[in-house]
C-alpha atoms as a PDB file:
ATOM      1  CA  MET A   1     -13.538  18.152   1.448  1.00  0.00           C
ATOM      2  CA  THR A   2     -15.752  20.183   3.329  1.00  0.00           C
ATOM      3  CA  GLY A   3     -15.616  23.628   1.411  1.00  0.00           C
ATOM      4  CA  GLY A   4     -16.978  26.982   2.257  1.00  0.00           C
ATOM      5  CA  PRO A   5     -19.898  27.211   4.825  1.00  0.00           C
ATOM      6  CA  ALA A   6     -23.073  26.097   3.753  1.00  0.00           C
ATOM      7  CA  THR A   7     -26.327  27.571   4.745  1.00  0.00           C
ATOM      8  CA  GLY A   8     -30.169  27.143   3.931  1.00  0.00           C
ATOM      9  CA  ARG A   9     -31.807  24.175   2.216  1.00  0.00           C
ATOM     10  CA  ALA A  10     -29.101  24.207  -0.727  1.00  0.00           C
ATOM     11  CA  GLY A  11     -26.387  24.014   2.072  1.00  0.00           C
ATOM     12  CA  ARG A  12     -28.209  21.197   3.791  1.00  0.00           C
ATOM     13  CA  LEU A  13     -28.395  19.248   0.285  1.00  0.00           C
ATOM     14  CA  ALA A  14     -24.805  19.734  -0.259  1.00  0.00           C
ATOM     15  CA  LEU A  15     -23.651  18.694   3.148  1.00  0.00           C
ATOM     16  CA  THR A  16     -25.534  15.326   2.979  1.00  0.00           C
ATOM     17  CA  ALA A  17     -24.328  14.878  -0.458  1.00  0.00           C
ATOM     18  CA  ARG A  18     -20.734  15.207   0.828  1.00  0.00           C
ATOM     19  CA  LEU A  19     -21.630  13.180   3.950  1.00  0.00           C
ATOM     20  CA  ALA A  20     -22.607  10.445   1.674  1.00  0.00           C
ATOM     21  CA  THR A  21     -19.383  10.875  -0.501  1.00  0.00           C
ATOM     22  CA  ALA A  22     -17.419  10.707   2.577  1.00  0.00           C
ATOM     23  CA  ARG A  23     -19.007   7.434   3.741  1.00  0.00           C
ATOM     24  CA  ARG A  24     -18.636   5.665   0.488  1.00  0.00           C
ATOM     25  CA  ALA A  25     -15.011   6.792   0.381  1.00  0.00           C
ATOM     26  CA  VAL A  26     -14.493   4.867   4.055  1.00  0.00           C
ATOM     27  CA  GLU A  27     -16.179   1.982   2.449  1.00  0.00           C
ATOM     28  CA  LEU A  28     -13.900   1.975  -0.675  1.00  0.00           C
ATOM     29  CA  LEU A  29     -10.827   2.343   1.535  1.00  0.00           C
ATOM     30  CA  ASP A  30     -11.661  -0.367   3.815  1.00  0.00           C
ATOM     31  CA  ARG A  31     -12.228  -2.668   1.004  1.00  0.00           C
ATOM     32  CA  LYS A  32      -8.784  -1.478  -0.102  1.00  0.00           C
ATOM     33  CA  ARG A  33      -7.294  -1.854   3.158  1.00  0.00           C
ATOM     34  CA  ARG A  34      -8.611  -5.394   3.523  1.00  0.00           C
ATOM     35  CA  ALA A  35      -7.274  -6.182   0.162  1.00  0.00           C
ATOM     36  CA  LEU A  36      -4.013  -4.818   0.927  1.00  0.00           C
ATOM     37  CA  ALA A  37      -3.771  -6.588   4.478  1.00  0.00           C
ATOM     38  CA  ALA A  38      -4.236  -9.445   2.571  1.00  0.00           C
ATOM     39  CA  GLU A  39      -1.679  -9.249   0.025  1.00  0.00           C
ATOM     40  CA  CYS A  40       0.919  -7.978   2.395  1.00  0.00           C
ATOM     41  CA  GLU A  41       0.422 -11.422   4.592  1.00  0.00           C
ATOM     42  CA  ARG A  42       1.072 -13.286   1.440  1.00  0.00           C
ATOM     43  CA  LEU A  43       4.450 -11.228   0.364  1.00  0.00           C
ATOM     44  CA  GLU A  44       5.711 -11.329   3.866  1.00  0.00           C
ATOM     45  CA  SER A  45       5.279 -15.133   3.706  1.00  0.00           C
ATOM     46  CA  ALA A  46       7.088 -15.174   0.335  1.00  0.00           C
ATOM     47  CA  ALA A  47       9.672 -13.169   1.731  1.00  0.00           C
ATOM     48  CA  GLU A  48      10.145 -15.401   4.554  1.00  0.00           C
ATOM     49  CA  ARG A  49      10.568 -18.453   2.293  1.00  0.00           C
ATOM     50  CA  ALA A  50      12.953 -16.378   0.147  1.00  0.00           C
ATOM     51  CA  GLY A  51      14.958 -15.456   3.149  1.00  0.00           C
ATOM     52  CA  GLU A  52      15.311 -19.213   4.013  1.00  0.00           C
ATOM     53  CA  ALA A  53      16.108 -20.133   0.750  1.00  0.00           C
ATOM     54  CA  PHE A  54      18.810 -17.616   0.661  1.00  0.00           C
ATOM     55  CA  GLU A  55      20.371 -18.815   3.938  1.00  0.00           C
ATOM     56  CA  GLN A  56      20.563 -22.229   2.988  1.00  0.00           C
ATOM     57  CA  ALA A  57      22.318 -21.417  -0.461  1.00  0.00           C
ATOM     58  CA  GLU A  58      24.422 -19.188   1.424  1.00  0.00           C
ATOM     59  CA  GLN A  59      25.585 -21.726   3.917  1.00  0.00           C
ATOM     60  CA  VAL A  60      26.302 -23.923   0.606  1.00  0.00           C
ATOM     61  CA  ALA A  61      28.123 -21.401  -1.043  1.00  0.00           C
ATOM     62  CA  ARG A  62      30.673 -20.969   2.093  1.00  0.00           C
ATOM     63  CA  MET A  63      31.092 -24.369   2.441  1.00  0.00           C
ATOM     64  CA  TRP A  64      32.506 -24.958  -0.812  1.00  0.00           C
ATOM     65  CA  LEU A  65      34.337 -21.746  -0.799  1.00  0.00           C
ATOM     66  CA  ARG A  66      36.110 -23.096   2.099  1.00  0.00           C
ATOM     67  CA  ARG A  67      37.193 -26.380   0.263  1.00  0.00           C
ATOM     68  CA  SER A  68      37.726 -24.506  -3.094  1.00  0.00           C
ATOM     69  CA  SER A  69      40.236 -22.236  -1.361  1.00  0.00           C
ATOM     70  CA  SER A  70      42.015 -25.167   0.363  1.00  0.00           C
ATOM     71  CA  LEU A  71      42.257 -27.044  -2.931  1.00  0.00           C
ATOM     72  CA  ASP A  72      42.871 -24.340  -5.576  1.00  0.00           C
ATOM     73  CA  GLY A  73      44.077 -21.170  -3.337  1.00  0.00           C
ATOM     74  CA  GLN A  74      43.007 -17.825  -4.007  1.00  0.00           C
ATOM     75  CA  ARG A  75      44.904 -16.887  -7.074  1.00  0.00           C
ATOM     76  CA  THR A  76      42.897 -19.563  -8.847  1.00  0.00           C
ATOM     77  CA  LEU A  77      39.716 -18.274  -7.372  1.00  0.00           C
ATOM     78  CA  LEU A  78      40.366 -14.969  -8.660  1.00  0.00           C
ATOM     79  CA  ASP A  79      41.436 -15.958 -12.087  1.00  0.00           C
ATOM     80  CA  SER A  80      38.003 -18.251 -12.430  1.00  0.00           C
ATOM     81  CA  MET A  81      35.920 -14.857 -11.877  1.00  0.00           C
ATOM     82  CA  PRO A  82      33.588 -14.814 -14.940  1.00  0.00           C
ATOM     83  CA  ALA A  83      34.025 -11.792 -17.294  1.00  0.00           C
ATOM     84  CA  ALA A  84      30.390 -11.627 -18.784  1.00  0.00           C
ATOM     85  CA  THR A  85      28.307  -9.122 -16.748  1.00  0.00           C
ATOM     86  CA  THR A  86      25.280 -10.472 -14.669  1.00  0.00           C
ATOM     87  CA  GLU A  87      21.892  -9.487 -15.309  1.00  0.00           C
ATOM     88  CA  VAL A  88      18.730  -8.906 -13.105  1.00  0.00           C
ATOM     89  CA  VAL A  89      15.304  -8.880 -15.012  1.00  0.00           C
ATOM     90  CA  LEU A  90      12.368  -7.644 -12.806  1.00  0.00           C
ATOM     91  CA  ARG A  91       8.842  -8.317 -13.260  1.00  0.00           C
ATOM     92  CA  TYR A  92       5.915  -5.989 -11.970  1.00  0.00           C
ATOM     93  CA  GLY A  93       2.354  -6.807 -10.872  1.00  0.00           C
ATOM     94  CA  VAL A  94      -0.312  -4.346  -9.594  1.00  0.00           C
ATOM     95  CA  THR A  95      -2.344  -4.728  -6.550  1.00  0.00           C
ATOM     96  CA  MET A  96      -4.712  -2.237  -5.511  1.00  0.00           C
ATOM     97  CA  GLY A  97      -2.989   0.382  -7.721  1.00  0.00           C
ATOM     98  CA  VAL A  98       0.398  -0.394  -5.999  1.00  0.00           C
ATOM     99  CA  SER A  99       2.947  -1.667  -8.334  1.00  0.00           C
ATOM    100  CA  HIS A 100       5.571  -4.145  -6.630  1.00  0.00           C
ATOM    101  CA  PRO A 101       8.265  -6.767  -8.059  1.00  0.00           C
ATOM    102  CA  THR A 102       6.578 -10.393  -8.452  1.00  0.00           C
ATOM    103  CA  SER A 103       9.741 -12.151  -9.727  1.00  0.00           C
ATOM    104  CA  ALA A 104      13.364 -11.786 -10.523  1.00  0.00           C
ATOM    105  CA  GLN A 105      15.603 -13.568 -13.163  1.00  0.00           C
ATOM    106  CA  VAL A 106      18.876 -13.688 -13.045  1.00  0.00           C
ATOM    107  CA  ASP A 107      21.018 -14.103 -16.320  1.00  0.00           C
ATOM    108  CA  PHE A 108      24.761 -15.121 -15.560  1.00  0.00           C
ATOM    109  CA  GLY A 109      25.461 -15.653 -18.854  1.00  0.00           C
ATOM    110  CA  PRO A 110      27.900 -18.469 -20.102  1.00  0.00           C
ATOM    111  CA  GLU A 111      29.396 -20.384 -17.354  1.00  0.00           C
ATOM    112  CA  PRO A 112      33.122 -20.278 -17.520  1.00  0.00           C
ATOM    113  CA  MET A 113      35.428 -22.946 -17.629  1.00  0.00           C
ATOM    114  CA  PRO A 114      37.837 -22.749 -14.242  1.00  0.00           C
ATOM    115  CA  ALA A 115      41.337 -24.374 -14.230  1.00  0.00           C
ATOM    116  CA  GLY A 116      41.120 -25.793 -10.885  1.00  0.00           C
ATOM    117  CA  SER A 117      39.691 -28.653  -8.710  1.00  0.00           C
ATOM    118  CA  SER A 118      35.971 -29.891  -9.044  1.00  0.00           C
ATOM    119  CA  ALA A 119      35.236 -28.134  -5.839  1.00  0.00           C
ATOM    120  CA  LEU A 120      36.228 -24.874  -7.988  1.00  0.00           C
ATOM    121  CA  VAL A 121      33.080 -25.855 -10.246  1.00  0.00           C
ATOM    122  CA  PHE A 122      30.758 -26.316  -7.318  1.00  0.00           C
ATOM    123  CA  THR A 123      31.778 -23.394  -5.799  1.00  0.00           C
ATOM    124  CA  MET A 124      31.037 -21.233  -8.663  1.00  0.00           C
ATOM    125  CA  ARG A 125      27.411 -23.127  -8.990  1.00  0.00           C
ATOM    126  CA  ALA A 126      26.797 -22.530  -5.376  1.00  0.00           C
ATOM    127  CA  HIS A 127      27.663 -18.666  -5.320  1.00  0.00           C
ATOM    128  CA  ARG A 128      25.084 -18.531  -8.474  1.00  0.00           C
ATOM    129  CA  THR A 129      22.788 -20.257  -6.761  1.00  0.00           C
ATOM    130  CA  ALA A 130      22.877 -18.028  -3.680  1.00  0.00           C
ATOM    131  CA  LEU A 131      23.089 -14.992  -5.831  1.00  0.00           C
ATOM    132  CA  ALA A 132      19.991 -15.838  -7.423  1.00  0.00           C
ATOM    133  CA  ALA A 133      18.461 -16.545  -4.024  1.00  0.00           C
ATOM    134  CA  ALA A 134      19.506 -13.233  -2.946  1.00  0.00           C
ATOM    135  CA  VAL A 135      17.865 -11.257  -5.783  1.00  0.00           C
ATOM    136  CA  GLN A 136      14.939 -13.426  -5.016  1.00  0.00           C
ATOM    137  CA  LEU A 137      15.119 -11.804  -1.413  1.00  0.00           C
ATOM    138  CA  ALA A 138      15.836  -8.390  -2.151  1.00  0.00           C
ATOM    139  CA  ALA A 139      12.476  -8.640  -4.588  1.00  0.00           C
ATOM    140  CA  ALA A 140      10.348  -9.892  -2.238  1.00  0.00           C
ATOM    141  CA  GLN A 141      11.440  -7.553   0.465  1.00  0.00           C
ATOM    142  CA  ARG A 142      10.784  -4.781  -1.812  1.00  0.00           C
ATOM    143  CA  ALA A 143       7.348  -5.822  -2.689  1.00  0.00           C
ATOM    144  CA  VAL A 144       6.602  -6.035   0.980  1.00  0.00           C
ATOM    145  CA  ALA A 145       7.835  -2.396   1.465  1.00  0.00           C
ATOM    146  CA  LEU A 146       5.722  -0.858  -0.865  1.00  0.00           C
ATOM    147  CA  VAL A 147       2.600  -2.868  -0.378  1.00  0.00           C
ATOM    148  CA  THR A 148       3.302  -1.818   3.601  1.00  0.00           C
ATOM    149  CA  ARG A 149       3.568   1.785   2.641  1.00  0.00           C
ATOM    150  CA  GLU A 150       0.367   1.772   0.945  1.00  0.00           C
ATOM    151  CA  LEU A 151      -1.416   0.086   3.411  1.00  0.00           C
ATOM    152  CA  ALA A 152      -0.357   2.211   5.970  1.00  0.00           C
ATOM    153  CA  LEU A 153      -1.405   4.959   4.215  1.00  0.00           C
ATOM    154  CA  THR A 154      -4.940   3.436   3.458  1.00  0.00           C
ATOM    155  CA  ARG A 155      -5.294   3.404   6.880  1.00  0.00           C
ATOM    156  CA  GLN A 156      -4.522   6.866   7.881  1.00  0.00           C
ATOM    157  CA  GLN A 157      -6.829   8.192   5.058  1.00  0.00           C
ATOM    158  CA  GLN A 158      -9.651   5.888   6.446  1.00  0.00           C
ATOM    159  CA  ARG A 159      -9.091   7.215  10.224  1.00  0.00           C
ATOM    160  CA  ALA A 160      -8.911  10.700   8.773  1.00  0.00           C
ATOM    161  CA  LEU A 161     -12.402  10.253   7.397  1.00  0.00           C
ATOM    162  CA  GLU A 162     -13.491   8.410   9.896  1.00  0.00           C
ATOM    163  CA  LEU A 163     -12.609  10.291  12.944  1.00  0.00           C
ATOM    164  CA  ARG A 164     -12.265  13.753  11.299  1.00  0.00           C
ATOM    165  CA  TRP A 165     -14.008  14.687   8.303  1.00  0.00           C
ATOM    166  CA  ILE A 166     -17.358  12.522   8.760  1.00  0.00           C
ATOM    167  CA  PRO A 167     -18.000  13.675  12.277  1.00  0.00           C
ATOM    168  CA  ARG A 168     -17.320  17.329  11.256  1.00  0.00           C
ATOM    169  CA  LEU A 169     -20.013  16.878   8.579  1.00  0.00           C
ATOM    170  CA  GLU A 170     -22.493  15.396  10.760  1.00  0.00           C
ATOM    171  CA  ARG A 171     -22.117  18.171  13.187  1.00  0.00           C
ATOM    172  CA  ARG A 172     -22.223  20.989  10.560  1.00  0.00           C
ATOM    173  CA  LEU A 173     -25.438  19.134   8.960  1.00  0.00           C
ATOM    174  CA  THR A 174     -27.153  18.903  12.730  1.00  0.00           C
ATOM    175  CA  GLU A 175     -26.326  22.551  13.272  1.00  0.00           C
ATOM    176  CA  LEU A 176     -27.678  23.578  10.065  1.00  0.00           C
ATOM    177  CA  ALA A 177     -30.837  21.566  10.453  1.00  0.00           C
ATOM    178  CA  GLN A 178     -31.602  23.132  13.851  1.00  0.00           C
ATOM    179  CA  ARG A 179     -31.074  26.397  12.407  1.00  0.00           C
ATOM    180  CA  LEU A 180     -33.603  25.699   9.462  1.00  0.00           C
ATOM    181  CA  ASP A 181     -36.045  24.136  11.843  1.00  0.00           C
ATOM    182  CA  GLU A 182     -35.824  27.507  13.873  1.00  0.00           C
ATOM    183  CA  SER A 183     -36.059  29.545  10.876  1.00  0.00           C
ATOM    184  CA  GLU A 184     -39.181  27.324   9.804  1.00  0.00           C
ATOM    185  CA  ARG A 185     -40.952  28.028  13.545  1.00  0.00           C
ATOM    186  CA  GLU A 186     -40.270  31.772  13.272  1.00  0.00           C
ATOM    187  CA  GLU A 187     -41.850  31.784   9.963  1.00  0.00           C
ATOM    188  CA  ASN A 188     -44.672  29.686  10.643  1.00  0.00           C
ATOM    189  CA  VAL A 189     -45.564  32.342  13.876  1.00  0.00           C
ATOM    190  CA  ARG A 190     -44.798  35.177  11.298  1.00  0.00           C
ATOM    191  CA  LEU A 191     -47.821  33.897   9.073  1.00  0.00           C
ATOM    192  CA  ARG A 192     -50.090  32.698  12.045  1.00  0.00           C
ATOM    193  CA  TRP A 193     -49.614  36.382  13.315  1.00  0.00           C
ATOM    194  CA  ALA A 194     -49.878  37.895   9.766  1.00  0.00           C
ATOM    195  CA  ALA A 195     -53.101  35.651   9.078  1.00  0.00           C
ATOM    196  CA  ARG A 196     -54.840  36.946  12.600  1.00  0.00           C
ATOM    197  CA  HIS A 197     -53.646  40.305  12.043  1.00  0.00           C
ATOM    198  CA  SER A 198     -55.560  40.411   8.606  1.00  0.00           C
ATOM    199  CA  ALA A 199     -58.470  38.679  10.102  1.00  0.00           C
ATOM    200  CA  GLY A 200     -58.700  41.031  12.558  1.00  0.00           C
ATOM    201  CA  ARG A 201     -58.666  44.201  10.457  1.00  0.00           C
ATOM    202  CA  GLN A 202     -61.372  42.448   8.143  1.00  0.00           C
ATOM    203  CA  ASP A 203     -63.778  42.254  11.224  1.00  0.00           C
ATOM    204  CA  SER A 204     -63.331  45.691  12.125  1.00  0.00           C
END
């Protein structure tokens, strides 16, 4: 960002422009950081709700599994496993340039007809509900992870500009301004000396 050494008035203009660009970048990064922090908080709340929904669905599924195991036996449970493949469709959104899951839909296919008690039917449906809740939770946690990572990177970039690049540019600009002032004072002294010297020769 700082480039090579800048000298003279052109160098001062270049450093001033770089400093203005760096400060503008800090403003943009701060705006991005605040937007990401708000989105991260929203996603964390959504993930917490998804976690609670999964825990409840998982408990119901366990309850029905115990009942069905007692009534129908393990063999009937295994024979009732669906033959169709379950598919998951994720939808993505973008927050401040970060792509992350916004929803997850589970396609279970046709519901099989188990040869067992009514408890087996409730067991299958409860496990479908639990699986859908698990997928929703996984998508919510992935969204939190992606946005959190971008938030950390944005904070790092902002701190680097605020604590390293901008102070460095300010110091270089101050040093260059001091050198230019000294050069101007020396030039003024030379001009005054030359003027007096020229006037003295004319008088003689």
